[in-house]
């Protein structure tokens, strides 16, 4: 791992510790299992989406359509399960949602890998197209009568109880999906030739092609994988909320991208780590939670997220310029 990435992760970890200490001093109840498990629950959606975005950034692309894919997959899958009366199988629910996400991801892959169009332009277009198609042709009403399998899944907990202070805590089974995504993605990136090709394509597409990597196949995998993760994340979100709202999820793009960038992934491609991404997710979730805990208006969340994006992208660029000046 490059030294700048290691430093970036250490800085983010120190900021997390400092923020926890300050919040705990102001509000001692912050240091509790209830708070920890609440943050883990809030981090499932952002974490799954961030892992997908990390892969895109490593491969040298930028994707902003993942939230639209998640919302589309979640809502369409829930509607199908309800209308067809097949909502008793959780496995089927996830297969349908992940399959829809994969299909939408393949649309991105078609334009990016097939036609060679810029990733940002393509995903900006599909963000609007997927969103518009969902609301115009699929549905725009809340689905509050989610299928039984989704309701049962929302009640499934790994841990639950009450601490000494009387606060109830619970950790949903859904966190296992995030753990599985982390393990699978780590294995792909660091134990397979596919992972090497993702890093190589992000470093230099031309160089990757010259040494034998299939650039187009790599891009197809990346955007398909993002679609699967987004579809899975969307269904988890609807299950935990016990309602399928087509207006949910879209709008989280900045928070997710901020988490990945803060974790050390470069917008220019070729670098990124799962550890850094998870630290970035932790910081974003912590910022959102602590502002509420400290009684700061939620409108300041956007200000903080914007500041963190500037910090995450500006600090590495500043460090690179300093190194270049020293070498010069």
Protein backbone atom coordinates (compact mmCIF):
# COMPACT_ATOMS: atom_id res chain seq x y z
CA UNK A 1 0.00 0.00 0.00
CA UNK A 2 1.40 3.47 -0.82
CA UNK A 3 2.61 5.42 2.20
CA UNK A 4 0.20 8.28 1.49
CA UNK A 5 -2.72 5.85 1.76
CA UNK A 6 -1.44 4.54 5.09
CA UNK A 7 -1.10 8.08 6.42
CA UNK A 8 -4.59 8.87 5.20
CA UNK A 9 -6.05 5.91 7.09
CA UNK A 10 -4.18 6.86 10.26
CA UNK A 11 -5.46 10.44 10.04
CA UNK A 12 -9.06 9.27 9.56
CA UNK A 13 -8.71 6.85 12.50
CA UNK A 14 -7.37 9.64 14.73
CA UNK A 15 -10.22 11.94 13.71
CA UNK A 16 -12.71 9.17 14.60
CA UNK A 17 -11.13 8.71 18.03
CA UNK A 18 -11.04 12.47 18.69
CA UNK A 19 -14.67 12.89 17.63
CA UNK A 20 -15.74 10.04 19.92
CA UNK A 21 -13.84 11.52 22.87
CA UNK A 22 -15.34 15.00 22.39
CA UNK A 23 -18.87 13.63 21.98
CA UNK A 24 -18.49 11.38 25.04
CA UNK A 25 -17.31 14.31 27.16
CA UNK A 26 -20.36 16.33 26.15
CA UNK A 27 -22.79 13.42 26.28
CA UNK A 28 -21.53 10.43 28.35
CA UNK A 29 -24.42 8.22 27.17
CA UNK A 30 -22.75 8.22 23.74
CA UNK A 31 -20.39 5.46 24.95
CA UNK A 32 -22.91 2.64 25.02
CA UNK A 33 -23.74 -0.57 23.18
CA UNK A 34 -26.97 1.06 22.01
CA UNK A 35 -25.01 3.81 20.24
CA UNK A 36 -22.49 1.36 18.78
CA UNK A 37 -25.12 -0.97 17.38
CA UNK A 38 -27.15 1.97 16.09
CA UNK A 39 -24.11 3.18 14.16
CA UNK A 40 -23.48 -0.31 12.78
CA UNK A 41 -27.09 -0.46 11.62
CA UNK A 42 -26.82 2.97 9.98
CA UNK A 43 -23.57 1.95 8.31
CA UNK A 44 -24.91 -1.12 6.49
CA UNK A 45 -26.42 0.75 3.53
CA UNK A 46 -23.58 3.25 3.16
CA UNK A 47 -20.98 0.51 3.67
CA UNK A 48 -22.34 -1.76 0.92
CA UNK A 49 -22.61 1.15 -1.52
CA UNK A 50 -19.14 2.44 -0.57
CA UNK A 51 -17.51 -0.92 -1.33
CA UNK A 52 -18.95 -0.78 -4.84
CA UNK A 53 -17.86 2.83 -5.34
CA UNK A 54 -14.37 1.94 -4.10
CA UNK A 55 -14.03 -0.66 -6.87
CA UNK A 56 -15.14 1.90 -9.46
CA UNK A 57 -12.60 4.47 -8.25
CA UNK A 58 -9.81 1.90 -8.16
CA UNK A 59 -10.63 1.00 -11.77
CA UNK A 60 -10.28 4.63 -12.79
CA UNK A 61 -13.98 5.45 -13.13
CA UNK A 62 -16.60 7.49 -11.30
CA UNK A 63 -20.12 6.21 -10.66
CA UNK A 64 -22.94 8.39 -9.32
CA UNK A 65 -25.83 6.19 -10.44
CA UNK A 66 -25.52 3.55 -7.70
CA UNK A 67 -28.18 5.16 -5.50
CA UNK A 68 -30.68 5.17 -8.37
CA UNK A 69 -29.88 1.51 -9.02
CA UNK A 70 -30.44 0.68 -5.34
CA UNK A 71 -33.76 2.54 -5.20
CA UNK A 72 -34.97 1.06 -8.50
CA UNK A 73 -34.00 -2.50 -7.51
CA UNK A 74 -35.51 -2.21 -4.04
CA UNK A 75 -38.82 -0.79 -5.19
CA UNK A 76 -39.26 -2.96 -8.29
CA UNK A 77 -38.35 -6.14 -6.40
CA UNK A 78 -40.75 -5.35 -3.55
CA UNK A 79 -43.54 -4.58 -6.01
CA UNK A 80 -42.97 -7.86 -7.86
CA UNK A 81 -42.97 -9.86 -4.64
CA UNK A 82 -46.23 -8.24 -3.50
CA UNK A 83 -48.03 -8.37 -6.86
CA UNK A 84 -47.06 -11.99 -7.58
CA UNK A 85 -47.65 -13.14 -4.02
CA UNK A 86 -44.20 -14.72 -3.71
CA UNK A 87 -42.95 -12.75 -0.71
CA UNK A 88 -42.36 -15.70 1.61
CA UNK A 89 -38.83 -16.42 0.36
CA UNK A 90 -36.08 -14.08 1.51
CA UNK A 91 -33.59 -15.72 -0.86
CA UNK A 92 -35.89 -15.06 -3.82
CA UNK A 93 -36.33 -11.46 -2.72
CA UNK A 94 -32.58 -10.87 -2.69
CA UNK A 95 -32.07 -12.71 -5.97
CA UNK A 96 -34.67 -10.53 -7.69
CA UNK A 97 -33.31 -7.27 -6.27
CA UNK A 98 -29.67 -8.18 -6.95
CA UNK A 99 -30.64 -9.37 -10.44
CA UNK A 100 -32.34 -6.06 -11.24
CA UNK A 101 -29.29 -4.23 -9.90
CA UNK A 102 -27.02 -6.37 -12.08
CA UNK A 103 -29.12 -5.59 -15.16
CA UNK A 104 -28.95 -1.85 -14.50
CA UNK A 105 -25.22 -2.10 -13.84
CA UNK A 106 -24.84 -3.82 -17.20
CA UNK A 107 -26.46 -0.81 -18.87
CA UNK A 108 -23.66 1.33 -17.44
CA UNK A 109 -21.13 -1.26 -18.57
CA UNK A 110 -22.56 -1.23 -22.11
CA UNK A 111 -21.95 2.48 -22.54
CA UNK A 112 -18.64 2.55 -20.67
CA UNK A 113 -16.96 -0.68 -21.77
CA UNK A 114 -18.84 -1.16 -25.03
CA UNK A 115 -18.88 2.38 -26.42
CA UNK A 116 -15.98 3.84 -24.46
CA UNK A 117 -17.94 6.81 -23.09
CA UNK A 118 -16.72 8.76 -20.02
CA UNK A 119 -17.84 7.14 -16.78
CA UNK A 120 -19.05 10.33 -15.11
CA UNK A 121 -21.17 11.36 -18.10
CA UNK A 122 -22.68 7.89 -18.46
CA UNK A 123 -23.56 7.48 -14.79
CA UNK A 124 -24.95 11.02 -14.53
CA UNK A 125 -27.22 10.14 -17.44
CA UNK A 126 -28.28 6.77 -16.05
CA UNK A 127 -28.83 8.29 -12.58
CA UNK A 128 -31.49 10.52 -14.09
CA UNK A 129 -32.81 7.86 -16.49
CA UNK A 130 -33.19 5.11 -13.88
CA UNK A 131 -34.77 7.54 -11.46
CA UNK A 132 -37.19 8.92 -14.04
CA UNK A 133 -38.16 5.48 -15.37
CA UNK A 134 -38.85 4.25 -11.84
CA UNK A 135 -41.19 7.11 -10.98
CA UNK A 136 -42.87 7.31 -14.39
CA UNK A 137 -43.38 3.63 -15.26
CA UNK A 138 -42.82 1.46 -12.17
CA UNK A 139 -44.41 3.41 -9.33
CA UNK A 140 -44.15 6.40 -7.03
CA UNK A 141 -46.34 5.33 -4.09
CA UNK A 142 -45.08 3.95 -0.79
CA UNK A 143 -45.32 0.18 -0.38
CA UNK A 144 -45.96 -0.22 3.33
CA UNK A 145 -47.21 -3.82 3.17
CA UNK A 146 -43.79 -5.31 2.45
CA UNK A 147 -43.68 -9.10 1.96
CA UNK A 148 -43.54 -11.36 5.06
CA UNK A 149 -39.97 -12.46 4.36
CA UNK A 150 -38.78 -8.84 4.46
CA UNK A 151 -40.68 -8.15 7.69
CA UNK A 152 -39.24 -11.25 9.32
CA UNK A 153 -35.76 -10.28 8.15
CA UNK A 154 -36.12 -6.85 9.76
CA UNK A 155 -36.93 -8.52 13.10
CA UNK A 156 -33.99 -10.92 12.89
CA UNK A 157 -31.22 -9.89 15.30
CA UNK A 158 -27.76 -11.25 16.00
CA UNK A 159 -27.66 -9.61 19.42
CA UNK A 160 -30.29 -7.88 21.54
CA UNK A 161 -30.64 -6.86 25.16
CA UNK A 162 -30.65 -4.02 27.68
CA UNK A 163 -27.53 -2.47 29.21
CA UNK A 164 -26.98 -1.39 32.81
CA UNK A 165 -28.33 2.08 32.11
CA UNK A 166 -31.57 0.64 30.79
CA UNK A 167 -30.91 1.36 27.10
CA UNK A 168 -32.15 -1.28 24.66
CA UNK A 169 -29.65 -2.41 22.05
CA UNK A 170 -29.88 -4.73 19.06
CA UNK A 171 -27.71 -5.68 16.09
CA UNK A 172 -29.63 -6.74 12.98
CA UNK A 173 -28.70 -9.87 11.05
CA UNK A 174 -28.37 -7.63 7.98
CA UNK A 175 -24.87 -6.65 9.15
CA UNK A 176 -23.74 -10.11 7.96
CA UNK A 177 -24.33 -8.95 4.37
CA UNK A 178 -21.85 -6.13 4.88
CA UNK A 179 -19.32 -8.52 6.39
CA UNK A 180 -19.78 -10.93 3.48
CA UNK A 181 -19.35 -8.11 0.95
CA UNK A 182 -16.12 -7.01 2.67
CA UNK A 183 -14.68 -10.54 2.66
CA UNK A 184 -15.66 -11.28 -0.95
CA UNK A 185 -14.37 -7.93 -2.22
CA UNK A 186 -11.09 -8.32 -0.31
CA UNK A 187 -10.61 -11.77 -1.84
CA UNK A 188 -11.32 -10.48 -5.35
CA UNK A 189 -8.97 -7.51 -5.04
CA UNK A 190 -6.02 -9.20 -3.37
CA UNK A 191 -6.23 -12.89 -4.22
CA UNK A 192 -7.30 -13.01 -7.88
CA UNK A 193 -6.04 -11.91 -11.27
CA UNK A 194 -9.31 -10.02 -11.66
CA UNK A 195 -8.32 -7.87 -8.69
CA UNK A 196 -4.92 -7.18 -10.23
CA UNK A 197 -6.61 -6.18 -13.46
CA UNK A 198 -8.88 -3.71 -11.61
CA UNK A 199 -5.85 -2.00 -10.07
CA UNK A 200 -3.97 -2.12 -13.37
CA UNK A 201 -6.83 -0.62 -15.40
CA UNK A 202 -7.15 2.18 -12.85
CA UNK A 203 -3.45 2.90 -13.02
CA UNK A 204 -3.28 3.02 -16.81
CA UNK A 205 -5.73 1.48 -19.26
CA UNK A 206 -3.15 1.44 -22.04
CA UNK A 207 -0.48 -0.21 -19.89
CA UNK A 208 -3.01 -2.76 -18.59
CA UNK A 209 -4.01 -3.69 -22.14
CA UNK A 210 -0.36 -4.01 -23.22
CA UNK A 211 0.45 -6.52 -20.48
CA UNK A 212 -2.56 -8.66 -21.37
CA UNK A 213 -5.44 -7.56 -19.13
CA UNK A 214 -8.87 -7.44 -20.73
CA UNK A 215 -9.87 -3.85 -19.99
CA UNK A 216 -13.45 -4.14 -21.23
CA UNK A 217 -14.15 -7.37 -19.34
CA UNK A 218 -12.77 -5.77 -16.17
CA UNK A 219 -15.05 -2.75 -16.56
CA UNK A 220 -18.06 -4.99 -17.20
CA UNK A 221 -17.36 -6.87 -13.98
CA UNK A 222 -16.88 -3.68 -11.93
CA UNK A 223 -20.16 -2.06 -12.97
CA UNK A 224 -22.05 -5.34 -12.74
CA UNK A 225 -20.66 -5.90 -9.25
CA UNK A 226 -21.69 -2.40 -8.21
CA UNK A 227 -25.19 -3.16 -9.48
CA UNK A 228 -25.41 -6.35 -7.42
CA UNK A 229 -24.22 -4.58 -4.26
CA UNK A 230 -26.64 -1.69 -4.86
CA UNK A 231 -29.55 -4.06 -5.40
CA UNK A 232 -28.70 -5.96 -2.24
CA UNK A 233 -28.27 -2.76 -0.23
CA UNK A 234 -31.60 -1.44 -1.49
CA UNK A 235 -33.56 -4.49 -0.38
CA UNK A 236 -31.85 -4.47 3.03
CA UNK A 237 -32.82 -0.82 3.44
CA UNK A 238 -36.47 -1.48 2.55
CA UNK A 239 -36.56 -4.50 4.86
CA UNK A 240 -35.14 -2.67 7.88
CA UNK A 241 -37.43 0.31 7.26
CA UNK A 242 -40.38 -2.05 6.55
CA UNK A 243 -41.44 0.21 3.72
CA UNK A 244 -40.39 0.57 0.07
CA UNK A 245 -40.14 4.27 -0.67
CA UNK A 246 -38.96 5.20 -4.20
CA UNK A 247 -37.69 8.51 -2.82
CA UNK A 248 -35.30 6.80 -0.40
CA UNK A 249 -31.55 6.30 -0.93
CA UNK A 250 -31.20 8.72 -3.86
CA UNK A 251 -29.26 11.67 -2.48
CA UNK A 252 -26.68 9.62 -0.57
CA UNK A 253 -24.14 9.91 -3.39
CA UNK A 254 -22.06 12.58 -1.66
CA UNK A 255 -21.90 10.74 1.65
CA UNK A 256 -20.82 7.48 0.02
CA UNK A 257 -18.24 9.08 -2.27
CA UNK A 258 -16.93 11.13 0.67
CA UNK A 259 -16.47 7.95 2.70
CA UNK A 260 -14.46 6.27 -0.06
CA UNK A 261 -12.32 9.34 -0.80
CA UNK A 262 -11.63 9.92 2.89
CA UNK A 263 -10.51 6.29 3.07
CA UNK A 264 -7.70 7.02 0.64
CA UNK A 265 -9.13 6.02 -2.75
CA UNK A 266 -7.87 8.31 -5.50
CA UNK A 267 -10.27 9.89 -7.99
CA UNK A 268 -7.58 9.31 -10.62
CA UNK A 269 -7.73 5.55 -10.08
CA UNK A 270 -5.31 2.79 -9.19
CA UNK A 271 -5.50 3.08 -5.38
CA UNK A 272 -7.99 2.20 -2.68
CA UNK A 273 -8.28 -0.11 0.32
CA UNK A 274 -11.16 -1.79 2.08
CA UNK A 275 -9.76 -0.75 5.47
CA UNK A 276 -9.67 2.87 4.41
CA UNK A 277 -13.17 2.69 2.96
CA UNK A 278 -14.60 1.22 6.17
CA UNK A 279 -12.84 3.94 8.19
CA UNK A 280 -14.36 6.54 5.87
CA UNK A 281 -17.82 5.01 6.31
CA UNK A 282 -17.33 5.02 10.07
CA UNK A 283 -16.41 8.70 10.04
CA UNK A 284 -19.40 9.69 7.89
CA UNK A 285 -21.84 7.70 10.07
CA UNK A 286 -20.19 9.09 13.19
CA UNK A 287 -20.52 12.68 11.94
CA UNK A 288 -24.21 12.17 11.18
CA UNK A 289 -24.85 10.56 14.57
CA UNK A 290 -22.83 12.97 16.69
CA UNK A 291 -24.43 16.06 15.19
CA UNK A 292 -27.81 14.72 16.27
CA UNK A 293 -26.45 13.69 19.69
CA UNK A 294 -24.96 17.14 20.24
CA UNK A 295 -28.17 18.87 19.20
CA UNK A 296 -26.68 20.45 16.07
CA UNK A 297 -29.23 21.00 13.25
CA UNK A 298 -29.19 18.24 10.61
CA UNK A 299 -28.69 20.87 7.90
CA UNK A 300 -25.09 21.08 9.09
CA UNK A 301 -24.56 17.49 7.97
CA UNK A 302 -24.34 18.65 4.36
CA UNK A 303 -21.81 21.30 5.34
CA UNK A 304 -19.67 18.74 7.16
CA UNK A 305 -19.88 16.19 4.32
CA UNK A 306 -18.82 18.84 1.80
CA UNK A 307 -15.92 19.88 4.02
CA UNK A 308 -14.81 16.25 4.42
CA UNK A 309 -14.88 15.72 0.64
CA UNK A 310 -12.69 18.80 0.13
CA UNK A 311 -10.34 17.59 2.86
CA UNK A 312 -10.19 14.04 1.51
CA UNK A 313 -9.40 15.13 -2.05
CA UNK A 314 -7.36 18.21 -1.25
CA UNK A 315 -4.95 16.74 1.31
CA UNK A 316 -3.51 14.03 -0.98
CA UNK A 317 -3.20 16.53 -3.82
CA UNK A 318 -1.38 18.97 -1.54
CA UNK A 319 0.96 16.21 -0.33
CA UNK A 320 1.68 15.16 -3.93
CA UNK A 321 2.54 18.74 -4.86
CA UNK A 322 4.91 19.03 -1.90
CA UNK A 323 6.68 15.81 -2.94
CA UNK A 324 6.95 17.02 -6.52
CA UNK A 325 8.47 20.34 -5.38
CA UNK A 326 11.04 18.51 -3.22
CA UNK A 327 12.03 16.25 -6.12
CA UNK A 328 12.19 19.21 -8.45
